[in-house]
PDB file of N, CA and C in Angstrom:
ATOM      1  N   MET A   1     126.336  85.754  36.389  1.00  0.00           N
ATOM      2  CA  MET A   1     126.546  84.866  35.280  1.00  0.00           C
ATOM      3  C   MET A   1     127.851  85.260  34.595  1.00  0.00           C
ATOM      4  N   ALA A   2     128.753  84.357  34.432  1.00  0.00           N
ATOM      5  CA  ALA A   2     130.074  84.592  33.857  1.00  0.00           C
ATOM      6  C   ALA A   2     130.001  84.532  32.336  1.00  0.00           C
ATOM      7  N   TYR A   3     130.949  85.228  31.715  1.00  0.00           N
ATOM      8  CA  TYR A   3     131.028  85.222  30.249  1.00  0.00           C
ATOM      9  C   TYR A   3     131.579  83.889  29.789  1.00  0.00           C
ATOM     10  N   LYS A   4     130.939  83.299  28.803  1.00  0.00           N
ATOM     11  CA  LYS A   4     131.368  82.013  28.273  1.00  0.00           C
ATOM     12  C   LYS A   4     131.969  82.249  26.886  1.00  0.00           C
ATOM     13  N   THR A   5     133.212  81.850  26.674  1.00  0.00           N
ATOM     14  CA  THR A   5     133.866  82.002  25.391  1.00  0.00           C
ATOM     15  C   THR A   5     133.180  81.103  24.382  1.00  0.00           C
ATOM     16  N   PRO A   6     132.766  81.668  23.232  1.00  0.00           N
ATOM     17  CA  PRO A   6     132.063  80.825  22.255  1.00  0.00           C
ATOM     18  C   PRO A   6     133.002  79.786  21.646  1.00  0.00           C
ATOM     19  N   GLY A   7     132.485  78.641  21.416  1.00  0.00           N
ATOM     20  CA  GLY A   7     133.258  77.564  20.819  1.00  0.00           C
ATOM     21  C   GLY A   7     133.284  77.691  19.304  1.00  0.00           C
ATOM     22  N   PHE A   8     133.947  76.740  18.665  1.00  0.00           N
ATOM     23  CA  PHE A   8     134.120  76.774  17.213  1.00  0.00           C
ATOM     24  C   PHE A   8     132.779  76.721  16.495  1.00  0.00           C
ATOM     25  N   THR A   9     131.908  75.828  16.924  1.00  0.00           N
ATOM     26  CA  THR A   9     130.622  75.690  16.240  1.00  0.00           C
ATOM     27  C   THR A   9     129.780  76.953  16.382  1.00  0.00           C
ATOM     28  N   GLU A  10     129.843  77.580  17.554  1.00  0.00           N
ATOM     29  CA  GLU A  10     129.074  78.817  17.757  1.00  0.00           C
ATOM     30  C   GLU A  10     129.629  79.940  16.869  1.00  0.00           C
ATOM     31  N   ARG A  11     130.953  80.012  16.759  1.00  0.00           N
ATOM     32  CA  ARG A  11     131.561  81.052  15.920  1.00  0.00           C
ATOM     33  C   ARG A  11     131.221  80.835  14.450  1.00  0.00           C
ATOM     34  N   THR A  12     131.278  79.597  13.984  1.00  0.00           N
ATOM     35  CA  THR A  12     130.953  79.336  12.578  1.00  0.00           C
ATOM     36  C   THR A  12     129.478  79.606  12.301  1.00  0.00           C
ATOM     37  N   ALA A  13     128.610  79.291  13.269  1.00  0.00           N
ATOM     38  CA  ALA A  13     127.179  79.557  13.093  1.00  0.00           C
ATOM     39  C   ALA A  13     126.931  81.062  13.027  1.00  0.00           C
ATOM     40  N   ALA A  14     127.616  81.826  13.853  1.00  0.00           N
ATOM     41  CA  ALA A  14     127.462  83.283  13.839  1.00  0.00           C
ATOM     42  C   ALA A  14     127.969  83.859  12.517  1.00  0.00           C
ATOM     43  N   ALA A  15     129.076  83.331  12.011  1.00  0.00           N
ATOM     44  CA  ALA A  15     129.626  83.808  10.742  1.00  0.00           C
ATOM     45  C   ALA A  15     128.682  83.479   9.598  1.00  0.00           C
ATOM     46  N   ARG A  16     128.106  82.262   9.630  1.00  0.00           N
ATOM     47  CA  ARG A  16     127.169  81.856   8.592  1.00  0.00           C
ATOM     48  C   ARG A  16     125.931  82.755   8.616  1.00  0.00           C
ATOM     49  N   ALA A  17     125.434  83.066   9.810  1.00  0.00           N
ATOM     50  CA  ALA A  17     124.246  83.918   9.940  1.00  0.00           C
ATOM     51  C   ALA A  17     124.557  85.338   9.440  1.00  0.00           C
ATOM     52  N   ALA A  18     125.734  85.863   9.740  1.00  0.00           N
ATOM     53  CA  ALA A  18     126.110  87.204   9.284  1.00  0.00           C
ATOM     54  C   ALA A  18     126.218  87.232   7.763  1.00  0.00           C
ATOM     55  N   LYS A  19     126.789  86.196   7.184  1.00  0.00           N
ATOM     56  CA  LYS A  19     126.909  86.121   5.725  1.00  0.00           C
ATOM     57  C   LYS A  19     125.527  86.061   5.081  1.00  0.00           C
ATOM     58  N   GLN A  20     124.629  85.308   5.666  1.00  0.00           N
ATOM     59  CA  GLN A  20     123.282  85.186   5.123  1.00  0.00           C
ATOM     60  C   GLN A  20     122.558  86.534   5.201  1.00  0.00           C
ATOM     61  N   ARG A  21     122.721  87.266   6.317  1.00  0.00           N
ATOM     62  CA  ARG A  21     122.095  88.585   6.452  1.00  0.00           C
ATOM     63  C   ARG A  21     122.617  89.531   5.378  1.00  0.00           C
ATOM     64  N   ALA A  22     123.927  89.499   5.120  1.00  0.00           N
ATOM     65  CA  ALA A  22     124.518  90.359   4.098  1.00  0.00           C
ATOM     66  C   ALA A  22     123.977  90.010   2.716  1.00  0.00           C
ATOM     67  N   LEU A  23     123.842  88.730   2.424  1.00  0.00           N
ATOM     68  CA  LEU A  23     123.290  88.305   1.137  1.00  0.00           C
ATOM     69  C   LEU A  23     121.830  88.726   0.989  1.00  0.00           C
ATOM     70  N   ASP A  24     121.085  88.624   2.063  1.00  0.00           N
ATOM     71  CA  ASP A  24     119.673  89.033   2.019  1.00  0.00           C
ATOM     72  C   ASP A  24     119.561  90.536   1.760  1.00  0.00           C
ATOM     73  N   GLN A  25     120.406  91.324   2.412  1.00  0.00           N
ATOM     74  CA  GLN A  25     120.372  92.770   2.190  1.00  0.00           C
ATOM     75  C   GLN A  25     120.737  93.099   0.745  1.00  0.00           C
ATOM     76  N   LEU A  26     121.690  92.378   0.186  1.00  0.00           N
ATOM     77  CA  LEU A  26     122.099  92.620  -1.190  1.00  0.00           C
ATOM     78  C   LEU A  26     120.973  92.274  -2.159  1.00  0.00           C
ATOM     79  N   ARG A  27     120.257  91.192  -1.884  1.00  0.00           N
ATOM     80  CA  ARG A  27     119.152  90.794  -2.749  1.00  0.00           C
ATOM     81  C   ARG A  27     117.988  91.784  -2.670  1.00  0.00           C
ATOM     82  N   GLU A  28     117.799  92.385  -1.508  1.00  0.00           N
ATOM     83  CA  GLU A  28     116.704  93.329  -1.312  1.00  0.00           C
ATOM     84  C   GLU A  28     116.980  94.673  -1.995  1.00  0.00           C
ATOM     85  N   LYS A  29     118.227  94.949  -2.295  1.00  0.00           N
ATOM     86  CA  LYS A  29     118.589  96.235  -2.884  1.00  0.00           C
ATOM     87  C   LYS A  29     117.961  96.356  -4.277  1.00  0.00           C
ATOM     88  N   PRO A  30     117.296  97.490  -4.561  1.00  0.00           N
ATOM     89  CA  PRO A  30     116.662  97.627  -5.879  1.00  0.00           C
ATOM     90  C   PRO A  30     117.710  97.790  -6.978  1.00  0.00           C
ATOM     91  N   ALA A  31     117.340  97.390  -8.177  1.00  0.00           N
ATOM     92  CA  ALA A  31     118.250  97.498  -9.323  1.00  0.00           C
ATOM     93  C   ALA A  31     118.415  98.969  -9.694  1.00  0.00           C
ATOM     94  N   VAL A  32     119.583  99.305 -10.224  1.00  0.00           N
ATOM     95  CA  VAL A  32     119.861 100.674 -10.617  1.00  0.00           C
ATOM     96  C   VAL A  32     119.111 100.983 -11.911  1.00  0.00           C
ATOM     97  N   ASP A  33     118.532 102.173 -11.966  1.00  0.00           N
ATOM     98  CA  ASP A  33     117.764 102.609 -13.128  1.00  0.00           C
ATOM     99  C   ASP A  33     118.677 102.708 -14.350  1.00  0.00           C
ATOM    100  N   PRO A  34     118.290 102.188 -15.498  1.00  0.00           N
ATOM    101  CA  PRO A  34     119.137 102.268 -16.700  1.00  0.00           C
ATOM    102  C   PRO A  34     119.477 103.703 -17.104  1.00  0.00           C
ATOM    103  N   GLU A  35     118.568 104.643 -16.830  1.00  0.00           N
ATOM    104  CA  GLU A  35     118.857 106.044 -17.144  1.00  0.00           C
ATOM    105  C   GLU A  35     120.019 106.565 -16.300  1.00  0.00           C
ATOM    106  N   VAL A  36     120.051 106.148 -15.027  1.00  0.00           N
ATOM    107  CA  VAL A  36     121.147 106.557 -14.139  1.00  0.00           C
ATOM    108  C   VAL A  36     122.458 105.967 -14.640  1.00  0.00           C
ATOM    109  N   ILE A  37     122.430 104.715 -15.053  1.00  0.00           N
ATOM    110  CA  ILE A  37     123.636 104.071 -15.579  1.00  0.00           C
ATOM    111  C   ILE A  37     124.122 104.805 -16.831  1.00  0.00           C
ATOM    112  N   ALA A  38     123.185 105.145 -17.723  1.00  0.00           N
ATOM    113  CA  ALA A  38     123.563 105.864 -18.945  1.00  0.00           C
ATOM    114  C   ALA A  38     124.156 107.235 -18.612  1.00  0.00           C
ATOM    115  N   ALA A  39     123.573 107.923 -17.633  1.00  0.00           N
ATOM    116  CA  ALA A  39     124.098 109.238 -17.238  1.00  0.00           C
ATOM    117  C   ALA A  39     125.503 109.112 -16.663  1.00  0.00           C
ATOM    118  N   ARG A  40     125.726 108.097 -15.845  1.00  0.00           N
ATOM    119  CA  ARG A  40     127.066 107.873 -15.270  1.00  0.00           C
ATOM    120  C   ARG A  40     128.083 107.574 -16.368  1.00  0.00           C
ATOM    121  N   GLN A  41     127.687 106.737 -17.333  1.00  0.00           N
ATOM    122  CA  GLN A  41     128.600 106.407 -18.426  1.00  0.00           C
ATOM    123  C   GLN A  41     128.913 107.638 -19.267  1.00  0.00           C
ATOM    124  N   ALA A  42     127.916 108.487 -19.509  1.00  0.00           N
ATOM    125  CA  ALA A  42     128.146 109.711 -20.280  1.00  0.00           C
ATOM    126  C   ALA A  42     129.083 110.651 -19.537  1.00  0.00           C
ATOM    127  N   ALA A  43     128.900 110.756 -18.224  1.00  0.00           N
ATOM    128  CA  ALA A  43     129.780 111.614 -17.422  1.00  0.00           C
ATOM    129  C   ALA A  43     131.206 111.075 -17.437  1.00  0.00           C
ATOM    130  N   ARG A  44     131.350 109.766 -17.318  1.00  0.00           N
ATOM    131  CA  ARG A  44     132.684 109.150 -17.357  1.00  0.00           C
ATOM    132  C   ARG A  44     133.351 109.391 -18.706  1.00  0.00           C
ATOM    133  N   ALA A  45     132.570 109.244 -19.791  1.00  0.00           N
ATOM    134  CA  ALA A  45     133.116 109.462 -21.134  1.00  0.00           C
ATOM    135  C   ALA A  45     133.547 110.923 -21.302  1.00  0.00           C
ATOM    136  N   ALA A  46     132.769 111.855 -20.761  1.00  0.00           N
ATOM    137  CA  ALA A  46     133.132 113.271 -20.855  1.00  0.00           C
ATOM    138  C   ALA A  46     134.415 113.554 -20.071  1.00  0.00           C
ATOM    139  N   ARG A  47     134.536 112.969 -18.853  1.00  0.00           N
ATOM    140  CA  ARG A  47     135.761 113.150 -18.056  1.00  0.00           C
ATOM    141  C   ARG A  47     136.970 112.587 -18.783  1.00  0.00           C
ATOM    142  N   GLU A  48     136.810 111.392 -19.373  1.00  0.00           N
ATOM    143  CA  GLU A  48     137.923 110.770 -20.086  1.00  0.00           C
ATOM    144  C   GLU A  48     138.321 111.585 -21.310  1.00  0.00           C
ATOM    145  N   ALA A  49     137.339 112.144 -22.016  1.00  0.00           N
ATOM    146  CA  ALA A  49     137.638 112.973 -23.193  1.00  0.00           C
ATOM    147  C   ALA A  49     138.385 114.239 -22.774  1.00  0.00           C
ATOM    148  N   ALA A  50     137.939 114.858 -21.677  1.00  0.00           N
ATOM    149  CA  ALA A  50     138.621 116.065 -21.187  1.00  0.00           C
ATOM    150  C   ALA A  50     140.046 115.744 -20.756  1.00  0.00           C
ATOM    151  N   GLU A  51     140.219 114.619 -20.090  1.00  0.00           N
ATOM    152  CA  GLU A  51     141.563 114.214 -19.652  1.00  0.00           C
ATOM    153  C   GLU A  51     142.459 113.930 -20.857  1.00  0.00           C
ATOM    154  N   ALA A  52     141.913 113.281 -21.881  1.00  0.00           N
ATOM    155  CA  ALA A  52     142.696 113.003 -23.087  1.00  0.00           C
ATOM    156  C   ALA A  52     143.095 114.304 -23.773  1.00  0.00           C
ATOM    157  N   GLU A  53     142.181 115.285 -23.786  1.00  0.00           N
ATOM    158  CA  GLU A  53     142.489 116.579 -24.395  1.00  0.00           C
ATOM    159  C   GLU A  53     143.598 117.291 -23.624  1.00  0.00           C
ATOM    160  N   ARG A  54     143.495 117.261 -22.287  1.00  0.00           N
ATOM    161  CA  ARG A  54     144.553 117.881 -21.457  1.00  0.00           C
ATOM    162  C   ARG A  54     145.890 117.187 -21.673  1.00  0.00           C
ATOM    163  N   ARG A  55     145.851 115.852 -21.758  1.00  0.00           N
ATOM    164  CA  ARG A  55     147.080 115.088 -21.966  1.00  0.00           C
ATOM    165  C   ARG A  55     147.709 115.425 -23.314  1.00  0.00           C
ATOM    166  N   ALA A  56     146.875 115.559 -24.352  1.00  0.00           N
ATOM    167  CA  ALA A  56     147.380 115.892 -25.688  1.00  0.00           C
ATOM    168  C   ALA A  56     147.971 117.302 -25.705  1.00  0.00           C
ATOM    169  N   ALA A  57     147.305 118.239 -25.023  1.00  0.00           N
ATOM    170  CA  ALA A  57     147.829 119.609 -24.961  1.00  0.00           C
ATOM    171  C   ALA A  57     149.161 119.635 -24.226  1.00  0.00           C
ATOM    172  N   ARG A  58     149.264 118.856 -23.175  1.00  0.00           N
ATOM    173  CA  ARG A  58     150.523 118.800 -22.409  1.00  0.00           C
ATOM    174  C   ARG A  58     151.641 118.198 -23.251  1.00  0.00           C
ATOM    175  N   GLN A  59     151.329 117.131 -23.965  1.00  0.00           N
ATOM    176  CA  GLN A  59     152.333 116.504 -24.825  1.00  0.00           C
ATOM    177  C   GLN A  59     152.777 117.478 -25.921  1.00  0.00           C
ATOM    178  N   GLN A  60     151.837 118.231 -26.467  1.00  0.00           N
ATOM    179  CA  GLN A  60     152.177 119.207 -27.497  1.00  0.00           C
ATOM    180  C   GLN A  60     153.073 120.304 -26.915  1.00  0.00           C
ATOM    181  N   ALA A  61     152.765 120.765 -25.710  1.00  0.00           N
ATOM    182  CA  ALA A  61     153.582 121.795 -25.074  1.00  0.00           C
ATOM    183  C   ALA A  61     154.999 121.276 -24.816  1.00  0.00           C
ATOM    184  N   ILE A  62     155.098 120.026 -24.403  1.00  0.00           N
ATOM    185  CA  ILE A  62     156.417 119.427 -24.162  1.00  0.00           C
ATOM    186  C   ILE A  62     157.190 119.326 -25.466  1.00  0.00           C
ATOM    187  N   ALA A  63     156.509 118.904 -26.538  1.00  0.00           N
ATOM    188  CA  ALA A  63     157.172 118.785 -27.841  1.00  0.00           C
ATOM    189  C   ALA A  63     157.637 120.155 -28.337  1.00  0.00           C
ATOM    190  N   GLU A  64     156.799 121.185 -28.147  1.00  0.00           N
ATOM    191  CA  GLU A  64     157.192 122.538 -28.566  1.00  0.00           C
ATOM    192  C   GLU A  64     158.393 123.024 -27.758  1.00  0.00           C
ATOM    193  N   ALA A  65     158.400 122.736 -26.461  1.00  0.00           N
ATOM    194  CA  ALA A  65     159.523 123.148 -25.619  1.00  0.00           C
ATOM    195  C   ALA A  65     160.805 122.453 -26.055  1.00  0.00           C
ATOM    196  N   LYS A  66     160.695 121.161 -26.385  1.00  0.00           N
ATOM    197  CA  LYS A  66     161.874 120.425 -26.852  1.00  0.00           C
ATOM    198  C   LYS A  66     162.382 120.992 -28.173  1.00  0.00           C
ATOM    199  N   ALA A  67     161.444 121.328 -29.072  1.00  0.00           N
ATOM    200  CA  ALA A  67     161.832 121.892 -30.365  1.00  0.00           C
ATOM    201  C   ALA A  67     162.511 123.251 -30.175  1.00  0.00           C
ATOM    202  N   ALA A  68     161.972 124.074 -29.281  1.00  0.00           N
ATOM    203  CA  ALA A  68     162.574 125.384 -29.010  1.00  0.00           C
ATOM    204  C   ALA A  68     163.969 125.219 -28.405  1.00  0.00           C
ATOM    205  N   LYS A  69     164.101 124.256 -27.519  1.00  0.00           N
ATOM    206  CA  LYS A  69     165.405 124.009 -26.890  1.00  0.00           C
ATOM    207  C   LYS A  69     166.415 123.525 -27.923  1.00  0.00           C
ATOM    208  N   ALA A  70     165.958 122.651 -28.828  1.00  0.00           N
ATOM    209  CA  ALA A  70     166.848 122.157 -29.879  1.00  0.00           C
ATOM    210  C   ALA A  70     167.251 123.290 -30.819  1.00  0.00           C
ATOM    211  N   ALA A  71     166.302 124.162 -31.159  1.00  0.00           N
ATOM    212  CA  ALA A  71     166.618 125.292 -32.033  1.00  0.00           C
ATOM    213  C   ALA A  71     167.605 126.234 -31.357  1.00  0.00           C
ATOM    214  N   LYS A  72     167.416 126.453 -30.077  1.00  0.00           N
ATOM    215  CA  LYS A  72     168.334 127.318 -29.326  1.00  0.00           C
ATOM    216  C   LYS A  72     169.739 126.707 -29.281  1.00  0.00           C
ATOM    217  N   ALA A  73     169.799 125.395 -29.058  1.00  0.00           N
ATOM    218  CA  ALA A  73     171.091 124.711 -29.019  1.00  0.00           C
ATOM    219  C   ALA A  73     171.764 124.767 -30.391  1.00  0.00           C
ATOM    220  N   GLU A  74     170.963 124.609 -31.452  1.00  0.00           N
ATOM    221  CA  GLU A  74     171.514 124.675 -32.801  1.00  0.00           C
ATOM    222  C   GLU A  74     172.043 126.073 -33.101  1.00  0.00           C
ATOM    223  N   ALA A  75     171.299 127.094 -32.677  1.00  0.00           N
ATOM    224  CA  ALA A  75     171.752 128.474 -32.886  1.00  0.00           C
ATOM    225  C   ALA A  75     173.037 128.739 -32.108  1.00  0.00           C
ATOM    226  N   ALA A  76     173.117 128.210 -30.903  1.00  0.00           N
ATOM    227  CA  ALA A  76     174.328 128.380 -30.106  1.00  0.00           C
ATOM    228  C   ALA A  76     175.510 127.663 -30.761  1.00  0.00           C
ATOM    229  N   ALA A  77     175.243 126.479 -31.331  1.00  0.00           N
ATOM    230  CA  ALA A  77     176.303 125.735 -32.004  1.00  0.00           C
ATOM    231  C   ALA A  77     176.785 126.485 -33.243  1.00  0.00           C
ATOM    232  N   GLN A  78     175.846 127.082 -33.991  1.00  0.00           N
ATOM    233  CA  GLN A  78     176.237 127.853 -35.173  1.00  0.00           C
ATOM    234  C   GLN A  78     177.031 129.092 -34.769  1.00  0.00           C
ATOM    235  N   THR A  79     176.620 129.739 -33.684  1.00  0.00           N
ATOM    236  CA  THR A  79     177.344 130.917 -33.193  1.00  0.00           C
ATOM    237  C   THR A  79     178.750 130.516 -32.765  1.00  0.00           C
ATOM    238  N   ALA A  80     178.845 129.376 -32.082  1.00  0.00           N
ATOM    239  CA  ALA A  80     180.154 128.908 -31.635  1.00  0.00           C
ATOM    240  C   ALA A  80     181.020 128.520 -32.840  1.00  0.00           C
ATOM    241  N   ALA A  81     180.403 127.973 -33.875  1.00  0.00           N
ATOM    242  CA  ALA A  81     181.160 127.573 -35.057  1.00  0.00           C
ATOM    243  C   ALA A  81     181.663 128.794 -35.825  1.00  0.00           C
ATOM    244  N   SER A  82     180.865 129.859 -35.837  1.00  0.00           N
ATOM    245  CA  SER A  82     181.279 131.046 -36.580  1.00  0.00           C
ATOM    246  C   SER A  82     182.292 131.881 -35.790  1.00  0.00           C
ATOM    247  N   ALA A  83     182.328 131.719 -34.475  1.00  0.00           N
ATOM    248  CA  ALA A  83     183.285 132.460 -33.647  1.00  0.00           C
ATOM    249  C   ALA A  83     184.680 131.866 -33.841  1.00  0.00           C
ATOM    250  N   PRO A  84     185.709 132.653 -33.595  1.00  0.00           N
ATOM    251  CA  PRO A  84     187.067 132.094 -33.714  1.00  0.00           C
ATOM    252  C   PRO A  84     187.251 130.930 -32.747  1.00  0.00           C
ATOM    253  N   ALA A  85     187.994 129.942 -33.192  1.00  0.00           N
ATOM    254  CA  ALA A  85     188.151 128.722 -32.410  1.00  0.00           C
ATOM    255  C   ALA A  85     188.892 128.975 -31.105  1.00  0.00           C
ATOM    256  N   THR A  86     189.928 129.792 -31.140  1.00  0.00           N
ATOM    257  CA  THR A  86     190.679 130.066 -29.919  1.00  0.00           C
ATOM    258  C   THR A  86     190.571 131.554 -29.604  1.00  0.00           C
ATOM    259  N   PRO A  87     190.244 131.868 -28.377  1.00  0.00           N
ATOM    260  CA  PRO A  87     190.165 133.280 -28.018  1.00  0.00           C
ATOM    261  C   PRO A  87     191.557 133.906 -28.050  1.00  0.00           C
ATOM    262  N   GLU A  88     191.567 135.201 -28.192  1.00  0.00           N
ATOM    263  CA  GLU A  88     192.844 135.901 -28.253  1.00  0.00           C
ATOM    264  C   GLU A  88     193.522 135.790 -26.899  1.00  0.00           C
ATOM    265  N   PRO A  89     194.753 135.343 -26.867  1.00  0.00           N
ATOM    266  CA  PRO A  89     195.422 135.160 -25.572  1.00  0.00           C
ATOM    267  C   PRO A  89     195.692 136.511 -24.910  1.00  0.00           C
ATOM    268  N   LYS A  90     195.586 136.487 -23.592  1.00  0.00           N
ATOM    269  CA  LYS A  90     195.886 137.698 -22.837  1.00  0.00           C
ATOM    270  C   LYS A  90     197.400 137.898 -22.848  1.00  0.00           C
ATOM    271  N   PRO A  91     197.812 139.130 -22.906  1.00  0.00           N
ATOM    272  CA  PRO A  91     199.253 139.357 -22.857  1.00  0.00           C
ATOM    273  C   PRO A  91     199.780 139.005 -21.458  1.00  0.00           C
ATOM    274  N   GLU A  92     200.945 138.445 -21.428  1.00  0.00           N
ATOM    275  CA  GLU A  92     201.566 138.033 -20.170  1.00  0.00           C
ATOM    276  C   GLU A  92     201.920 139.277 -19.362  1.00  0.00           C
ATOM    277  N   ARG A  93     201.559 139.269 -18.091  1.00  0.00           N
ATOM    278  CA  ARG A  93     201.867 140.431 -17.253  1.00  0.00           C
ATOM    279  C   ARG A  93     203.317 140.364 -16.793  1.00  0.00           C
ATOM    280  N   THR A  94     203.867 141.522 -16.642  1.00  0.00           N
ATOM    281  CA  THR A  94     205.261 141.577 -16.194  1.00  0.00           C
ATOM    282  C   THR A  94     205.318 141.372 -14.695  1.00  0.00           C
ATOM    283  N   GLU A  95     206.513 141.152 -14.204  1.00  0.00           N
ATOM    284  CA  GLU A  95     206.714 140.942 -12.769  1.00  0.00           C
ATOM    285  C   GLU A  95     206.269 142.167 -11.981  1.00  0.00           C
ATOM    286  N   ALA A  96     206.514 143.335 -12.487  1.00  0.00           N
ATOM    287  CA  ALA A  96     206.146 144.565 -11.790  1.00  0.00           C
ATOM    288  C   ALA A  96     204.620 144.703 -11.718  1.00  0.00           C
ATOM    289  N   GLU A  97     203.915 144.320 -12.796  1.00  0.00           N
ATOM    290  CA  GLU A  97     202.452 144.400 -12.791  1.00  0.00           C
ATOM    291  C   GLU A  97     201.856 143.398 -11.796  1.00  0.00           C
ATOM    292  N   ARG A  98     202.412 142.203 -11.756  1.00  0.00           N
ATOM    293  CA  ARG A  98     201.927 141.202 -10.793  1.00  0.00           C
ATOM    294  C   ARG A  98     202.153 141.672  -9.362  1.00  0.00           C
ATOM    295  N   LYS A  99     203.348 142.275  -9.099  1.00  0.00           N
ATOM    296  CA  LYS A  99     203.648 142.771  -7.746  1.00  0.00           C
ATOM    297  C   LYS A  99     202.706 143.899  -7.370  1.00  0.00           C
ATOM    298  N   ALA A 100     202.381 144.794  -8.317  1.00  0.00           N
ATOM    299  CA  ALA A 100     201.483 145.908  -8.027  1.00  0.00           C
ATOM    300  C   ALA A 100     200.078 145.382  -7.721  1.00  0.00           C
ATOM    301  N   ALA A 101     199.600 144.370  -8.455  1.00  0.00           N
ATOM    302  CA  ALA A 101     198.279 143.789  -8.197  1.00  0.00           C
ATOM    303  C   ALA A 101     198.250 143.110  -6.835  1.00  0.00           C
ATOM    304  N   ARG A 102     199.320 142.401  -6.492  1.00  0.00           N
ATOM    305  CA  ARG A 102     199.408 141.731  -5.199  1.00  0.00           C
ATOM    306  C   ARG A 102     199.396 142.745  -4.070  1.00  0.00           C
ATOM    307  N   ASP A 103     200.158 143.829  -4.210  1.00  0.00           N
ATOM    308  CA  ASP A 103     200.200 144.874  -3.195  1.00  0.00           C
ATOM    309  C   ASP A 103     198.832 145.543  -3.043  1.00  0.00           C
ATOM    310  N   ALA A 104     198.098 145.715  -4.150  1.00  0.00           N
ATOM    311  CA  ALA A 104     196.776 146.330  -4.089  1.00  0.00           C
ATOM    312  C   ALA A 104     195.797 145.425  -3.330  1.00  0.00           C
ATOM    313  N   ARG A 105     195.879 144.117  -3.567  1.00  0.00           N
ATOM    314  CA  ARG A 105     195.020 143.185  -2.830  1.00  0.00           C
ATOM    315  C   ARG A 105     195.348 143.200  -1.344  1.00  0.00           C
ATOM    316  N   TYR A 106     196.642 143.241  -1.025  1.00  0.00           N
ATOM    317  CA  TYR A 106     197.072 143.274   0.365  1.00  0.00           C
ATOM    318  C   TYR A 106     196.562 144.540   1.042  1.00  0.00           C
ATOM    319  N   ALA A 107     196.694 145.688   0.391  1.00  0.00           N
ATOM    320  CA  ALA A 107     196.246 146.961   0.954  1.00  0.00           C
ATOM    321  C   ALA A 107     194.725 146.945   1.158  1.00  0.00           C
ATOM    322  N   ALA A 108     193.983 146.377   0.204  1.00  0.00           N
ATOM    323  CA  ALA A 108     192.531 146.302   0.340  1.00  0.00           C
ATOM    324  C   ALA A 108     192.146 145.423   1.518  1.00  0.00           C
ATOM    325  N   ARG A 109     192.834 144.303   1.713  1.00  0.00           N
ATOM    326  CA  ARG A 109     192.556 143.421   2.837  1.00  0.00           C
ATOM    327  C   ARG A 109     192.843 144.120   4.156  1.00  0.00           C
ATOM    328  N   LYS A 110     193.932 144.848   4.229  1.00  0.00           N
ATOM    329  CA  LYS A 110     194.259 145.603   5.440  1.00  0.00           C
ATOM    330  C   LYS A 110     193.213 146.676   5.727  1.00  0.00           C
ATOM    331  N   ALA A 111     192.734 147.330   4.676  1.00  0.00           N
ATOM    332  CA  ALA A 111     191.739 148.383   4.840  1.00  0.00           C
ATOM    333  C   ALA A 111     190.424 147.809   5.351  1.00  0.00           C
ATOM    334  N   ARG A 112     190.052 146.616   4.934  1.00  0.00           N
ATOM    335  CA  ARG A 112     188.814 145.995   5.404  1.00  0.00           C
ATOM    336  C   ARG A 112     188.910 145.626   6.877  1.00  0.00           C
ATOM    337  N   LYS A 113     190.080 145.238   7.342  1.00  0.00           N
ATOM    338  CA  LYS A 113     190.251 144.807   8.738  1.00  0.00           C
ATOM    339  C   LYS A 113     190.178 145.994   9.695  1.00  0.00           C
ATOM    340  N   ARG A 114     190.450 147.180   9.232  1.00  0.00           N
ATOM    341  CA  ARG A 114     190.460 148.335  10.134  1.00  0.00           C
ATOM    342  C   ARG A 114     189.107 148.813  10.450  1.00  0.00           C
TER     343      ARG A 114
END
């Protein structure tokens, strides 16, 4: 006996029967006990309260960190304001000092290569 591909009417009838079975199973399901519903709602409320508390603590920690950062920046600004505006200029090196520094760098480079 060969397999026969179901036609449109057979497919719609099968779909209708499956839908009816699902509806029947849903109707047969017993109602949830009100005590269970109340317990679930209480647990949800407790979770939400704990999450709100954690969120508030986190926001407070962020605000404290921002305040500390602002205070640190303000202290740095005051320190910078009290410091002299221009640093003391370095004295200009003479040609002989520059040549001696250059020769020292050259000698150090040669010593590393050996």
